[in-house]
């Protein structure tokens, strides 16, 4: 009798785990993990190179991105819209060259600048975002 009860409880727990995983996958549909590859330091007027590492949890089409730079105090540059076209399959990892530009020459030295990037679908739905810190030397 106890064996039948244990098997029944195991079956209920197993089904519960399957439903939980299915629910989590549905909740994360069209979500993209974004990681920025930024330099750790930069000089004012230097060249800024950023790569994006993207991982998707579903079939996803990235149509554009938003970029914002916080240079310290209340000095914010952007937001800028940067077109980007990336199609990702579920759990696919892609690294893409994102931005090569001159860093603002008037950036104050001795601070950390915060650069934020968000990626969006064609319907303007945010699919993922992240940021990096760069020390201005």
Protein backbone atom coordinates (compact mmCIF):
# COMPACT_ATOMS: atom_id res chain seq x y z
CA UNK A 1 0.00 0.00 0.00
CA UNK A 2 2.79 2.44 0.90
CA UNK A 3 4.54 1.57 -2.35
CA UNK A 4 1.45 2.62 -4.35
CA UNK A 5 1.23 5.90 -2.40
CA UNK A 6 4.94 6.63 -3.03
CA UNK A 7 4.55 5.92 -6.76
CA UNK A 8 1.49 8.19 -6.91
CA UNK A 9 3.37 11.02 -5.10
CA UNK A 10 6.37 10.56 -7.40
CA UNK A 11 4.10 10.75 -10.45
CA UNK A 12 2.47 13.95 -9.13
CA UNK A 13 5.87 15.51 -8.42
CA UNK A 14 7.16 14.53 -11.87
CA UNK A 15 4.12 16.00 -13.60
CA UNK A 16 4.44 19.12 -11.48
CA UNK A 17 8.08 19.54 -12.51
CA UNK A 18 7.19 19.13 -16.21
CA UNK A 19 4.41 21.73 -15.91
CA UNK A 20 6.74 24.13 -14.07
CA UNK A 21 9.40 23.87 -16.81
CA UNK A 22 6.78 24.33 -19.55
CA UNK A 23 5.41 27.39 -17.75
CA UNK A 24 8.89 28.88 -17.35
CA UNK A 25 9.63 28.38 -21.06
CA UNK A 26 6.35 30.10 -21.97
CA UNK A 27 7.14 32.98 -19.63
CA UNK A 28 10.53 33.47 -21.29
CA UNK A 29 9.32 33.31 -24.90
CA UNK A 30 11.12 35.91 -27.05
CA UNK A 31 13.61 36.76 -24.31
CA UNK A 32 17.23 37.38 -25.22
CA UNK A 33 20.21 37.43 -22.85
CA UNK A 34 22.42 40.35 -23.83
CA UNK A 35 26.06 40.66 -22.74
CA UNK A 36 28.19 43.58 -23.88
CA UNK A 37 31.89 43.22 -24.62
CA UNK A 38 33.28 46.66 -23.80
CA UNK A 39 36.79 47.86 -23.03
CA UNK A 40 37.50 48.27 -19.32
CA UNK A 41 39.20 51.64 -19.85
CA UNK A 42 39.10 54.38 -22.49
CA UNK A 43 40.54 57.83 -23.04
CA UNK A 44 38.35 60.78 -24.07
CA UNK A 45 38.24 60.87 -27.87
CA UNK A 46 39.43 57.25 -28.10
CA UNK A 47 37.73 54.60 -30.23
CA UNK A 48 34.93 52.70 -28.53
CA UNK A 49 34.31 49.14 -29.78
CA UNK A 50 31.35 47.15 -28.48
CA UNK A 51 30.32 43.60 -29.35
CA UNK A 52 27.04 42.00 -28.35
CA UNK A 53 26.77 38.41 -27.17
CA UNK A 54 23.18 37.25 -27.61
CA UNK A 55 21.42 34.09 -26.43
CA UNK A 56 17.76 33.52 -27.22
CA UNK A 57 15.21 31.31 -25.48
CA UNK A 58 12.87 31.13 -28.51
CA UNK A 59 12.69 31.96 -32.21
CA UNK A 60 13.51 35.66 -32.10
CA UNK A 61 14.02 38.45 -34.60
CA UNK A 62 15.91 41.48 -33.35
CA UNK A 63 15.12 44.52 -35.48
CA UNK A 64 16.81 47.40 -33.65
CA UNK A 65 18.58 48.46 -30.51
CA UNK A 66 18.73 51.41 -28.19
CA UNK A 67 21.98 52.83 -26.82
CA UNK A 68 22.50 55.31 -24.01
CA UNK A 69 25.74 56.60 -22.47
CA UNK A 70 25.96 58.12 -19.00
CA UNK A 71 29.19 60.09 -18.67
CA UNK A 72 28.83 61.11 -15.03
CA UNK A 73 26.88 63.76 -13.13
CA UNK A 74 23.80 64.37 -15.23
CA UNK A 75 25.55 64.15 -18.60
CA UNK A 76 23.57 61.60 -20.62
CA UNK A 77 24.05 61.01 -24.35
CA UNK A 78 21.24 59.38 -26.25
CA UNK A 79 19.12 57.37 -26.37
CA UNK A 80 20.14 56.46 -29.89
CA UNK A 81 18.31 53.94 -32.07
CA UNK A 82 20.71 51.67 -33.94
CA UNK A 83 19.27 49.29 -36.57
CA UNK A 84 20.38 45.71 -36.09
CA UNK A 85 19.07 42.60 -37.80
CA UNK A 86 19.66 39.29 -36.03
CA UNK A 87 17.54 36.13 -36.21
CA UNK A 88 18.05 33.69 -33.35
CA UNK A 89 16.83 30.13 -32.96
CA UNK A 90 16.08 28.75 -29.49
CA UNK A 91 19.24 28.61 -27.33
CA UNK A 92 21.38 29.88 -30.19
CA UNK A 93 24.40 32.00 -29.21
CA UNK A 94 25.58 34.77 -31.50
CA UNK A 95 28.35 37.34 -31.12
CA UNK A 96 28.03 40.37 -33.35
CA UNK A 97 30.04 43.53 -33.92
CA UNK A 98 27.74 46.24 -32.63
CA UNK A 99 29.36 49.65 -32.51
CA UNK A 100 32.67 51.31 -33.38
CA UNK A 101 32.70 55.05 -32.72
CA UNK A 102 34.71 57.82 -31.11
CA UNK A 103 34.13 58.15 -27.37
CA UNK A 104 33.06 61.71 -26.44
CA UNK A 105 36.17 63.91 -26.24
CA UNK A 106 34.61 65.97 -23.45
CA UNK A 107 34.10 62.97 -21.15
CA UNK A 108 35.51 63.78 -17.71
CA UNK A 109 38.54 61.73 -16.71
CA UNK A 110 38.63 59.65 -13.54
CA UNK A 111 35.01 58.46 -13.66
CA UNK A 112 33.15 55.37 -14.79
CA UNK A 113 30.89 55.74 -17.81
CA UNK A 114 27.84 53.53 -18.03
CA UNK A 115 26.80 52.29 -21.47
CA UNK A 116 23.40 50.60 -21.76
CA UNK A 117 22.05 48.64 -24.72
CA UNK A 118 18.56 47.21 -25.22
CA UNK A 119 17.47 45.02 -28.15
CA UNK A 120 13.96 45.19 -29.59
CA UNK A 121 11.69 43.33 -31.98
CA UNK A 122 9.97 44.98 -34.95
CA UNK A 123 6.96 45.69 -32.73
CA UNK A 124 9.14 47.72 -30.29
CA UNK A 125 8.91 44.99 -27.64
CA UNK A 126 12.10 44.94 -25.57
CA UNK A 127 13.68 41.49 -25.85
CA UNK A 128 16.68 42.03 -23.57
CA UNK A 129 19.10 44.59 -22.18
CA UNK A 130 22.36 45.00 -20.32
CA UNK A 131 25.10 47.53 -19.65
CA UNK A 132 28.83 47.85 -19.11
CA UNK A 133 31.05 50.21 -17.13
CA UNK A 134 34.13 51.80 -18.67
CA UNK A 135 36.69 53.78 -16.68
CA UNK A 136 37.61 57.04 -18.39
CA UNK A 137 41.36 57.65 -17.96
